[in-house]
Amino acid sequence: MDNKISEGKTIKIIAQADISAGEYVTLGSNFGGIALDDAKTGAVCVLDVSGVYKIPKATATLTSVYALGVPVSITSGKASVVDIDSGTTTAEIASIAGNVVEAANSAATTVKIKLR
């Protein structure tokens, strides 16, 4: 096949701000990745866009249970559950960064997420 350019597990971007290795970088609605290395503004940065990562729970949801499979958003490096129901907004759906791959009880401070 001539048109395949990569496996799609990582992508290269030009950093729009300084990025630290391990940081979640939002690239638009429902898309982002984890930086594999530090990058200064204007430098090339490689993002993993398909892996499973351990992300700290957001302070507001620190004692919440994160059930297997629930969608989560990542804001300022912290994970929050996105409740999907009839009142869910388009913006909330667009914020989904991945799904929980291992349930996290109320005592857990981190959650394992499979990036979308």
C-alpha atoms as a PDB file:
ATOM      1  CA  MET A   1       0.000   0.000   0.000  1.00  0.00           C
ATOM      2  CA  ASP A   2       1.563   3.300  -1.126  1.00  0.00           C
ATOM      3  CA  ASN A   3      -0.455   5.794   0.890  1.00  0.00           C
ATOM      4  CA  LYS A   4       0.231   4.613   4.468  1.00  0.00           C
ATOM      5  CA  ILE A   5       2.685   6.974   6.154  1.00  0.00           C
ATOM      6  CA  SER A   6       2.758   5.645   9.731  1.00  0.00           C
ATOM      7  CA  GLU A   7       1.087   3.373  12.272  1.00  0.00           C
ATOM      8  CA  GLY A   8      -0.562   6.460  13.759  1.00  0.00           C
ATOM      9  CA  LYS A   9       0.577   5.731  17.299  1.00  0.00           C
ATOM     10  CA  THR A  10       2.631   8.914  17.458  1.00  0.00           C
ATOM     11  CA  ILE A  11       2.506  12.213  15.636  1.00  0.00           C
ATOM     12  CA  LYS A  12       4.853  15.173  15.376  1.00  0.00           C
ATOM     13  CA  ILE A  13       3.622  18.677  16.094  1.00  0.00           C
ATOM     14  CA  ILE A  14       5.182  22.109  16.409  1.00  0.00           C
ATOM     15  CA  ALA A  15       4.839  23.146  20.052  1.00  0.00           C
ATOM     16  CA  GLN A  16       2.657  26.234  20.417  1.00  0.00           C
ATOM     17  CA  ALA A  17       3.961  26.656  23.993  1.00  0.00           C
ATOM     18  CA  ASP A  18       6.592  24.945  26.142  1.00  0.00           C
ATOM     19  CA  ILE A  19       5.625  21.294  26.687  1.00  0.00           C
ATOM     20  CA  SER A  20       6.882  18.916  29.366  1.00  0.00           C
ATOM     21  CA  ALA A  21       7.335  15.195  28.791  1.00  0.00           C
ATOM     22  CA  GLY A  22       4.249  13.348  30.051  1.00  0.00           C
ATOM     23  CA  GLU A  23       1.967  16.347  29.528  1.00  0.00           C
ATOM     24  CA  TYR A  24      -1.378  15.883  27.760  1.00  0.00           C
ATOM     25  CA  VAL A  25      -1.564  18.235  24.769  1.00  0.00           C
ATOM     26  CA  THR A  26      -5.003  19.061  23.354  1.00  0.00           C
ATOM     27  CA  LEU A  27      -5.003  19.336  19.572  1.00  0.00           C
ATOM     28  CA  GLY A  28      -8.662  20.119  19.024  1.00  0.00           C
ATOM     29  CA  SER A  29     -12.040  18.643  19.761  1.00  0.00           C
ATOM     30  CA  ASN A  30     -11.739  15.079  21.052  1.00  0.00           C
ATOM     31  CA  PHE A  31      -8.081  14.747  20.077  1.00  0.00           C
ATOM     32  CA  GLY A  32      -4.731  15.054  21.816  1.00  0.00           C
ATOM     33  CA  GLY A  33      -1.738  13.113  23.002  1.00  0.00           C
ATOM     34  CA  ILE A  34       0.930  12.688  25.638  1.00  0.00           C
ATOM     35  CA  ALA A  35       4.271  14.407  24.974  1.00  0.00           C
ATOM     36  CA  LEU A  36       7.122  11.911  24.850  1.00  0.00           C
ATOM     37  CA  ASP A  37       9.800  14.574  25.404  1.00  0.00           C
ATOM     38  CA  ASP A  38      10.128  18.179  26.565  1.00  0.00           C
ATOM     39  CA  ALA A  39       9.750  20.758  23.796  1.00  0.00           C
ATOM     40  CA  LYS A  40      10.199  24.517  23.722  1.00  0.00           C
ATOM     41  CA  THR A  41       7.799  26.769  21.841  1.00  0.00           C
ATOM     42  CA  GLY A  42       8.370  26.331  18.096  1.00  0.00           C
ATOM     43  CA  ALA A  43      10.202  23.015  18.442  1.00  0.00           C
ATOM     44  CA  VAL A  44       9.041  19.654  17.137  1.00  0.00           C
ATOM     45  CA  CYS A  45       7.305  17.531  19.768  1.00  0.00           C
ATOM     46  CA  VAL A  46       6.314  13.875  19.420  1.00  0.00           C
ATOM     47  CA  LEU A  47       2.954  12.927  20.940  1.00  0.00           C
ATOM     48  CA  ASP A  48       1.677   9.442  21.693  1.00  0.00           C
ATOM     49  CA  VAL A  49      -1.953   9.531  20.547  1.00  0.00           C
ATOM     50  CA  SER A  50      -2.945   5.938  21.196  1.00  0.00           C
ATOM     51  CA  GLY A  51      -1.378   4.679  24.412  1.00  0.00           C
ATOM     52  CA  VAL A  52      -2.654   3.917  27.906  1.00  0.00           C
ATOM     53  CA  TYR A  53      -1.540   6.389  30.565  1.00  0.00           C
ATOM     54  CA  LYS A  54      -1.928   6.880  34.292  1.00  0.00           C
ATOM     55  CA  ILE A  55      -3.389  10.368  34.801  1.00  0.00           C
ATOM     56  CA  PRO A  56      -4.084  12.109  38.133  1.00  0.00           C
ATOM     57  CA  LYS A  57      -7.751  12.546  38.999  1.00  0.00           C
ATOM     58  CA  ALA A  58      -9.046  16.123  38.987  1.00  0.00           C
ATOM     59  CA  THR A  59      -9.236  17.639  42.470  1.00  0.00           C
ATOM     60  CA  ALA A  60     -13.032  17.985  42.281  1.00  0.00           C
ATOM     61  CA  THR A  61     -13.380  14.257  41.515  1.00  0.00           C
ATOM     62  CA  LEU A  62     -10.563  12.901  43.676  1.00  0.00           C
ATOM     63  CA  THR A  63     -12.888  10.758  45.823  1.00  0.00           C
ATOM     64  CA  SER A  64     -15.057   9.668  42.884  1.00  0.00           C
ATOM     65  CA  VAL A  65     -15.128   6.153  41.490  1.00  0.00           C
ATOM     66  CA  TYR A  66     -14.037   5.930  37.849  1.00  0.00           C
ATOM     67  CA  ALA A  67     -15.770   2.891  36.343  1.00  0.00           C
ATOM     68  CA  LEU A  68     -14.267   0.775  33.582  1.00  0.00           C
ATOM     69  CA  GLY A  69     -15.035   2.200  30.143  1.00  0.00           C
ATOM     70  CA  VAL A  70     -16.347   5.617  31.168  1.00  0.00           C
ATOM     71  CA  PRO A  71     -15.212   8.536  29.009  1.00  0.00           C
ATOM     72  CA  VAL A  72     -12.896  11.117  30.529  1.00  0.00           C
ATOM     73  CA  SER A  73     -11.601  14.540  29.640  1.00  0.00           C
ATOM     74  CA  ILE A  74      -8.128  15.775  30.556  1.00  0.00           C
ATOM     75  CA  THR A  75      -7.775  19.405  31.580  1.00  0.00           C
ATOM     76  CA  SER A  76      -4.562  20.889  32.993  1.00  0.00           C
ATOM     77  CA  GLY A  77      -3.172  17.362  33.236  1.00  0.00           C
ATOM     78  CA  LYS A  78      -6.055  16.051  35.381  1.00  0.00           C
ATOM     79  CA  ALA A  79      -8.756  13.538  34.429  1.00  0.00           C
ATOM     80  CA  SER A  80     -12.494  14.065  34.931  1.00  0.00           C
ATOM     81  CA  VAL A  81     -15.388  11.749  34.105  1.00  0.00           C
ATOM     82  CA  VAL A  82     -17.651  12.970  31.303  1.00  0.00           C
ATOM     83  CA  ASP A  83     -21.201  11.961  32.208  1.00  0.00           C
ATOM     84  CA  ILE A  84     -23.041  11.033  29.043  1.00  0.00           C
ATOM     85  CA  ASP A  85     -26.794  11.518  29.334  1.00  0.00           C
ATOM     86  CA  SER A  86     -29.580  13.437  27.632  1.00  0.00           C
ATOM     87  CA  GLY A  87     -28.176  16.721  28.992  1.00  0.00           C
ATOM     88  CA  THR A  88     -24.646  16.205  27.702  1.00  0.00           C
ATOM     89  CA  THR A  89     -23.476  19.141  25.607  1.00  0.00           C
ATOM     90  CA  THR A  90     -21.569  19.016  22.348  1.00  0.00           C
ATOM     91  CA  ALA A  91     -18.626  20.682  24.104  1.00  0.00           C
ATOM     92  CA  GLU A  92     -18.564  17.948  26.764  1.00  0.00           C
ATOM     93  CA  ILE A  93     -18.556  15.242  24.109  1.00  0.00           C
ATOM     94  CA  ALA A  94     -15.816  17.081  22.208  1.00  0.00           C
ATOM     95  CA  SER A  95     -13.699  17.183  25.383  1.00  0.00           C
ATOM     96  CA  ILE A  96     -13.447  13.392  25.686  1.00  0.00           C
ATOM     97  CA  ALA A  97      -9.776  12.396  25.583  1.00  0.00           C
ATOM     98  CA  GLY A  98     -10.144   8.676  26.222  1.00  0.00           C
ATOM     99  CA  ASN A  99     -11.733   5.957  28.316  1.00  0.00           C
ATOM    100  CA  VAL A 100     -10.952   4.326  31.649  1.00  0.00           C
ATOM    101  CA  VAL A 101      -9.272   0.934  31.136  1.00  0.00           C
ATOM    102  CA  GLU A 102      -9.046  -0.084  34.800  1.00  0.00           C
ATOM    103  CA  ALA A 103     -11.630   0.927  37.391  1.00  0.00           C
ATOM    104  CA  ALA A 104     -10.303   3.375  39.992  1.00  0.00           C
ATOM    105  CA  ASN A 105     -11.936   3.381  43.423  1.00  0.00           C
ATOM    106  CA  SER A 106     -12.544   6.440  45.592  1.00  0.00           C
ATOM    107  CA  ALA A 107      -9.158   6.035  47.328  1.00  0.00           C
ATOM    108  CA  ALA A 108      -7.215   6.065  44.029  1.00  0.00           C
ATOM    109  CA  THR A 109      -5.538   9.341  43.087  1.00  0.00           C
ATOM    110  CA  THR A 110      -4.870   8.316  39.492  1.00  0.00           C
ATOM    111  CA  VAL A 111      -6.769   6.606  36.701  1.00  0.00           C
ATOM    112  CA  LYS A 112      -5.567   4.565  33.713  1.00  0.00           C
ATOM    113  CA  ILE A 113      -6.874   5.968  30.441  1.00  0.00           C
ATOM    114  CA  LYS A 114      -6.682   4.721  26.851  1.00  0.00           C
ATOM    115  CA  LEU A 115      -6.286   7.760  24.628  1.00  0.00           C
ATOM    116  CA  ARG A 116      -8.621   8.126  21.664  1.00  0.00           C
END
